[in-house]
Structure formats: structure tokens, C-alpha cells
C-alpha atoms as a PDB file:
ATOM      1  CA  MET A   1      36.557-246.719  45.909  1.00  0.00           C
ATOM      2  CA  LEU A   2      33.487-247.022  48.127  1.00  0.00           C
ATOM      3  CA  GLU A   3      32.532-250.518  49.260  1.00  0.00           C
ATOM      4  CA  THR A   4      28.859-250.909  50.174  1.00  0.00           C
ATOM      5  CA  GLN A   5      27.024-253.357  52.386  1.00  0.00           C
ATOM      6  CA  VAL A   6      23.288-253.737  52.995  1.00  0.00           C
ATOM      7  CA  LYS A   7      22.306-255.157  56.383  1.00  0.00           C
ATOM      8  CA  ASN A   8      19.294-255.672  58.605  1.00  0.00           C
ATOM      9  CA  PHE A   9      19.564-254.170  62.096  1.00  0.00           C
ATOM     10  CA  SER A  10      20.284-257.584  63.633  1.00  0.00           C
ATOM     11  CA  GLU A  11      23.201-258.082  61.213  1.00  0.00           C
ATOM     12  CA  LEU A  12      24.995-254.916  62.331  1.00  0.00           C
ATOM     13  CA  SER A  13      27.912-255.464  64.666  1.00  0.00           C
ATOM     14  CA  ILE A  14      28.124-253.328  67.799  1.00  0.00           C
ATOM     15  CA  ASN A  15      31.091-251.525  66.223  1.00  0.00           C
ATOM     16  CA  GLU A  16      29.170-250.847  62.993  1.00  0.00           C
ATOM     17  CA  LEU A  17      26.175-249.507  64.904  1.00  0.00           C
ATOM     18  CA  TYR A  18      28.459-247.277  66.977  1.00  0.00           C
ATOM     19  CA  ARG A  19      30.164-245.912  63.832  1.00  0.00           C
ATOM     20  CA  ILE A  20      26.795-245.297  62.123  1.00  0.00           C
ATOM     21  CA  LEU A  21      25.436-243.369  65.101  1.00  0.00           C
ATOM     22  CA  GLN A  22      28.724-241.478  65.390  1.00  0.00           C
ATOM     23  CA  LEU A  23      28.562-240.419  61.707  1.00  0.00           C
ATOM     24  CA  ARG A  24      24.899-239.406  61.946  1.00  0.00           C
ATOM     25  CA  SER A  25      25.598-237.365  65.085  1.00  0.00           C
ATOM     26  CA  GLU A  26      28.708-235.793  63.547  1.00  0.00           C
ATOM     27  CA  VAL A  27      26.737-234.464  60.585  1.00  0.00           C
ATOM     28  CA  PHE A  28      23.113-234.044  61.657  1.00  0.00           C
ATOM     29  CA  VAL A  29      23.662-232.823  65.223  1.00  0.00           C
ATOM     30  CA  VAL A  30      27.119-231.189  65.340  1.00  0.00           C
ATOM     31  CA  GLU A  31      27.773-229.959  61.767  1.00  0.00           C
ATOM     32  CA  GLN A  32      24.181-228.846  61.164  1.00  0.00           C
ATOM     33  CA  ASP A  33      23.832-227.545  64.725  1.00  0.00           C
ATOM     34  CA  CYS A  34      20.486-229.292  65.156  1.00  0.00           C
ATOM     35  CA  VAL A  35      19.420-230.750  68.451  1.00  0.00           C
ATOM     36  CA  TYR A  36      17.005-233.576  67.667  1.00  0.00           C
ATOM     37  CA  GLN A  37      16.364-237.195  68.625  1.00  0.00           C
ATOM     38  CA  ASP A  38      18.377-239.138  66.033  1.00  0.00           C
ATOM     39  CA  ILE A  39      17.927-242.439  67.859  1.00  0.00           C
ATOM     40  CA  ASP A  40      14.208-242.577  67.152  1.00  0.00           C
ATOM     41  CA  GLY A  41      13.322-246.252  67.601  1.00  0.00           C
ATOM     42  CA  LYS A  42      13.058-246.826  63.838  1.00  0.00           C
ATOM     43  CA  ASP A  43      16.496-248.321  63.191  1.00  0.00           C
ATOM     44  CA  GLU A  44      15.293-251.800  64.161  1.00  0.00           C
ATOM     45  CA  LYS A  45      12.776-251.786  61.275  1.00  0.00           C
ATOM     46  CA  ALA A  46      15.198-250.326  58.726  1.00  0.00           C
ATOM     47  CA  LEU A  47      17.545-251.842  56.203  1.00  0.00           C
ATOM     48  CA  HIS A  48      20.952-250.162  56.589  1.00  0.00           C
ATOM     49  CA  VAL A  49      23.273-249.250  53.717  1.00  0.00           C
ATOM     50  CA  LEU A  50      26.881-248.742  54.754  1.00  0.00           C
ATOM     51  CA  GLY A  51      29.468-247.009  52.589  1.00  0.00           C
ATOM     52  CA  ILE A  52      32.920-248.154  53.665  1.00  0.00           C
ATOM     53  CA  LYS A  53      36.328-246.744  52.746  1.00  0.00           C
ATOM     54  CA  ASN A  54      39.573-247.845  54.416  1.00  0.00           C
ATOM     55  CA  ASN A  55      37.550-249.870  56.958  1.00  0.00           C
ATOM     56  CA  GLN A  56      35.630-246.753  58.042  1.00  0.00           C
ATOM     57  CA  ILE A  57      31.927-246.020  57.529  1.00  0.00           C
ATOM     58  CA  VAL A  58      31.989-242.769  55.551  1.00  0.00           C
ATOM     59  CA  ALA A  59      28.494-242.878  54.000  1.00  0.00           C
ATOM     60  CA  TYR A  60      25.192-244.299  55.133  1.00  0.00           C
ATOM     61  CA  THR A  61      21.433-244.480  54.531  1.00  0.00           C
ATOM     62  CA  ARG A  62      18.557-246.323  56.130  1.00  0.00           C
ATOM     63  CA  LEU A  63      15.694-247.780  54.111  1.00  0.00           C
ATOM     64  CA  PHE A  64      12.068-248.561  54.913  1.00  0.00           C
ATOM     65  CA  LYS A  65       9.500-250.591  53.020  1.00  0.00           C
ATOM     66  CA  SER A  66       6.168-248.947  52.234  1.00  0.00           C
ATOM     67  CA  GLY A  67       4.045-248.400  55.316  1.00  0.00           C
ATOM     68  CA  ASP A  68       6.953-248.422  57.788  1.00  0.00           C
ATOM     69  CA  TYR A  69       7.661-244.689  57.486  1.00  0.00           C
ATOM     70  CA  PHE A  70       5.781-243.242  54.512  1.00  0.00           C
ATOM     71  CA  GLU A  71       3.082-244.697  52.296  1.00  0.00           C
ATOM     72  CA  TYR A  72       5.878-245.637  49.877  1.00  0.00           C
ATOM     73  CA  ALA A  73       9.319-247.133  50.416  1.00  0.00           C
ATOM     74  CA  SER A  74      11.741-244.510  51.694  1.00  0.00           C
ATOM     75  CA  ILE A  75      15.380-243.589  52.109  1.00  0.00           C
ATOM     76  CA  GLY A  76      16.447-241.553  55.094  1.00  0.00           C
ATOM     77  CA  ARG A  77      19.413-240.441  57.192  1.00  0.00           C
ATOM     78  CA  VAL A  78      21.416-239.971  53.975  1.00  0.00           C
ATOM     79  CA  VAL A  79      24.844-238.941  55.187  1.00  0.00           C
ATOM     80  CA  VAL A  80      28.419-238.664  53.909  1.00  0.00           C
ATOM     81  CA  SER A  81      31.323-237.708  56.137  1.00  0.00           C
ATOM     82  CA  LYS A  82      32.346-234.089  55.464  1.00  0.00           C
ATOM     83  CA  LYS A  83      35.921-235.050  54.554  1.00  0.00           C
ATOM     84  CA  GLU A  84      34.643-237.564  51.952  1.00  0.00           C
ATOM     85  CA  ARG A  85      32.055-235.421  50.121  1.00  0.00           C
ATOM     86  CA  ALA A  86      34.479-234.330  47.403  1.00  0.00           C
ATOM     87  CA  PHE A  87      34.423-237.924  46.123  1.00  0.00           C
ATOM     88  CA  LYS A  88      30.657-237.736  45.380  1.00  0.00           C
ATOM     89  CA  TYR A  89      29.881-240.795  47.524  1.00  0.00           C
ATOM     90  CA  GLY A  90      26.358-239.454  48.018  1.00  0.00           C
ATOM     91  CA  TYR A  91      25.546-240.594  44.487  1.00  0.00           C
ATOM     92  CA  ASP A  92      27.058-244.034  45.113  1.00  0.00           C
ATOM     93  CA  ILE A  93      25.161-244.592  48.368  1.00  0.00           C
ATOM     94  CA  MET A  94      21.871-243.388  46.823  1.00  0.00           C
ATOM     95  CA  LYS A  95      22.284-245.695  43.799  1.00  0.00           C
ATOM     96  CA  VAL A  96      22.873-248.693  46.074  1.00  0.00           C
ATOM     97  CA  SER A  97      19.941-247.624  48.280  1.00  0.00           C
ATOM     98  CA  VAL A  98      17.498-247.453  45.349  1.00  0.00           C
ATOM     99  CA  GLU A  99      18.726-250.852  44.117  1.00  0.00           C
ATOM    100  CA  ALA A 100      18.358-252.315  47.629  1.00  0.00           C
ATOM    101  CA  ILE A 101      14.732-251.137  47.839  1.00  0.00           C
ATOM    102  CA  GLU A 102      14.008-252.774  44.488  1.00  0.00           C
ATOM    103  CA  THR A 103      15.814-256.003  45.454  1.00  0.00           C
ATOM    104  CA  HIS A 104      14.787-256.418  49.110  1.00  0.00           C
ATOM    105  CA  PHE A 105      11.337-254.803  49.130  1.00  0.00           C
ATOM    106  CA  LYS A 106      10.333-255.367  45.463  1.00  0.00           C
ATOM    107  CA  GLU A 107       9.227-251.719  45.305  1.00  0.00           C
ATOM    108  CA  HIS A 108      10.020-248.955  42.817  1.00  0.00           C
ATOM    109  CA  LYS A 109       8.217-245.871  44.112  1.00  0.00           C
ATOM    110  CA  ILE A 110      10.324-244.139  46.766  1.00  0.00           C
ATOM    111  CA  LYS A 111       9.488-241.100  48.894  1.00  0.00           C
ATOM    112  CA  ILE A 112      12.024-239.032  50.808  1.00  0.00           C
ATOM    113  CA  SER A 113      11.935-236.018  53.088  1.00  0.00           C
ATOM    114  CA  ALA A 114      14.910-234.093  51.716  1.00  0.00           C
ATOM    115  CA  GLN A 115      16.699-231.118  53.172  1.00  0.00           C
ATOM    116  CA  ALA A 116      15.729-228.356  50.751  1.00  0.00           C
ATOM    117  CA  TYR A 117      19.288-227.252  49.999  1.00  0.00           C
ATOM    118  CA  LEU A 118      19.973-230.753  48.591  1.00  0.00           C
ATOM    119  CA  LYS A 119      17.076-230.643  46.108  1.00  0.00           C
ATOM    120  CA  THR A 120      19.384-230.564  43.055  1.00  0.00           C
ATOM    121  CA  PHE A 121      21.388-233.528  44.353  1.00  0.00           C
ATOM    122  CA  TYR A 122      18.182-235.565  44.735  1.00  0.00           C
ATOM    123  CA  ASN A 123      16.912-234.364  41.329  1.00  0.00           C
ATOM    124  CA  ASN A 124      20.146-235.785  39.897  1.00  0.00           C
ATOM    125  CA  CYS A 125      19.318-239.090  41.645  1.00  0.00           C
ATOM    126  CA  GLY A 126      15.923-239.203  39.872  1.00  0.00           C
ATOM    127  CA  PHE A 127      13.690-237.646  42.556  1.00  0.00           C
ATOM    128  CA  LYS A 128      11.100-234.933  41.850  1.00  0.00           C
ATOM    129  CA  GLU A 129       9.789-232.535  44.480  1.00  0.00           C
ATOM    130  CA  ILE A 130       6.139-232.679  45.502  1.00  0.00           C
ATOM    131  CA  GLY A 131       4.337-230.067  47.546  1.00  0.00           C
ATOM    132  CA  GLU A 132       5.713-227.099  49.411  1.00  0.00           C
ATOM    133  CA  GLN A 133       8.727-226.755  51.656  1.00  0.00           C
ATOM    134  CA  TYR A 134       8.193-227.412  55.362  1.00  0.00           C
ATOM    135  CA  LEU A 135      10.260-227.269  58.522  1.00  0.00           C
ATOM    136  CA  GLU A 136      11.469-230.491  60.099  1.00  0.00           C
ATOM    137  CA  ASP A 137      13.617-229.984  63.198  1.00  0.00           C
ATOM    138  CA  ASP A 138      13.861-226.295  62.182  1.00  0.00           C
ATOM    139  CA  ILE A 139      15.514-227.202  58.847  1.00  0.00           C
ATOM    140  CA  PRO A 140      13.701-226.544  55.525  1.00  0.00           C
ATOM    141  CA  HIS A 141      12.712-229.840  53.867  1.00  0.00           C
ATOM    142  CA  ILE A 142      10.766-230.877  50.801  1.00  0.00           C
ATOM    143  CA  ALA A 143       9.003-234.154  50.030  1.00  0.00           C
ATOM    144  CA  MET A 144      10.342-235.862  46.907  1.00  0.00           C
ATOM    145  CA  ILE A 145       9.287-238.949  44.919  1.00  0.00           C
ATOM    146  CA  LYS A 146      11.116-241.300  42.569  1.00  0.00           C
ATOM    147  CA  GLU A 147       8.871-243.503  40.435  1.00  0.00           C
END
């Protein structure tokens, strides 16, 4: 069972922040072999959704209200630890993230910049692709909207 918590940056403990950055680096930098600046100065503005199992952060997203990242509210840095993906926690963390945007930001339209190979996953979460694929950090992405 995945426990979830939604926190502002200032509510994160040092240990939680360390574990979040460790998970993001593990997947986005090491697993995907992509050298990019993950610590981008935007975490302070974000709402953070933590997926916790056995006292470990195994899933995570960060959320922005409209105007902070895109013209609409957005979900980014969607990540699930490789060893936990079989449990489909991506769907759990996305459901909580959408609900958190509606609750905390009072917004319903959400835009994401999705890695193209995950298009079907995001379609299953209610997102529809808009526009053409593009490269972001040398990885094919597509813009998607949920209304």
C-alpha cells in the first residue's frame, strides 16, 4: 500500500528532501543516462507529493499552480523507483497529484511535458497530447493537457 503526503517545500524535512533528490537522480540522471540540472531552483515554489512505502519515498511528483511553470497548473518530475514500478504506483501518485492541484490550487486544467514513451500511461491518467514531439534534455517529450 502506498501512503501519500502533500507538502510545501518548507514542510519537507532535510531527510525527505535528500530522499526526493536521491530518487530523482537515480531515475532521471543514472537510469535514463541524462546529464541535466535536476536541481533547477523551482522546488521552492512547488507543492511536493511523496509516495511512501515501508518508510521510504518510492514515488514522487512536484506540482505548480498556473503561471509558475506553464500557463496552466502542472505536474512534473513524475518518478517511481524502478523496483516499485510493478505495483503501478505511478497511477496512485498521479491521482493524488491531480486531486492536490484541485484542492490546493482550485484548478482543473493541467499541462505536463511528458516523456513520449509514457504517452499511453498519461492517456490512461486522463491526459491528451497536444502538438508535436520535441526534445527536452535530448529525450523525446510531448505536451499533454488534462481538462
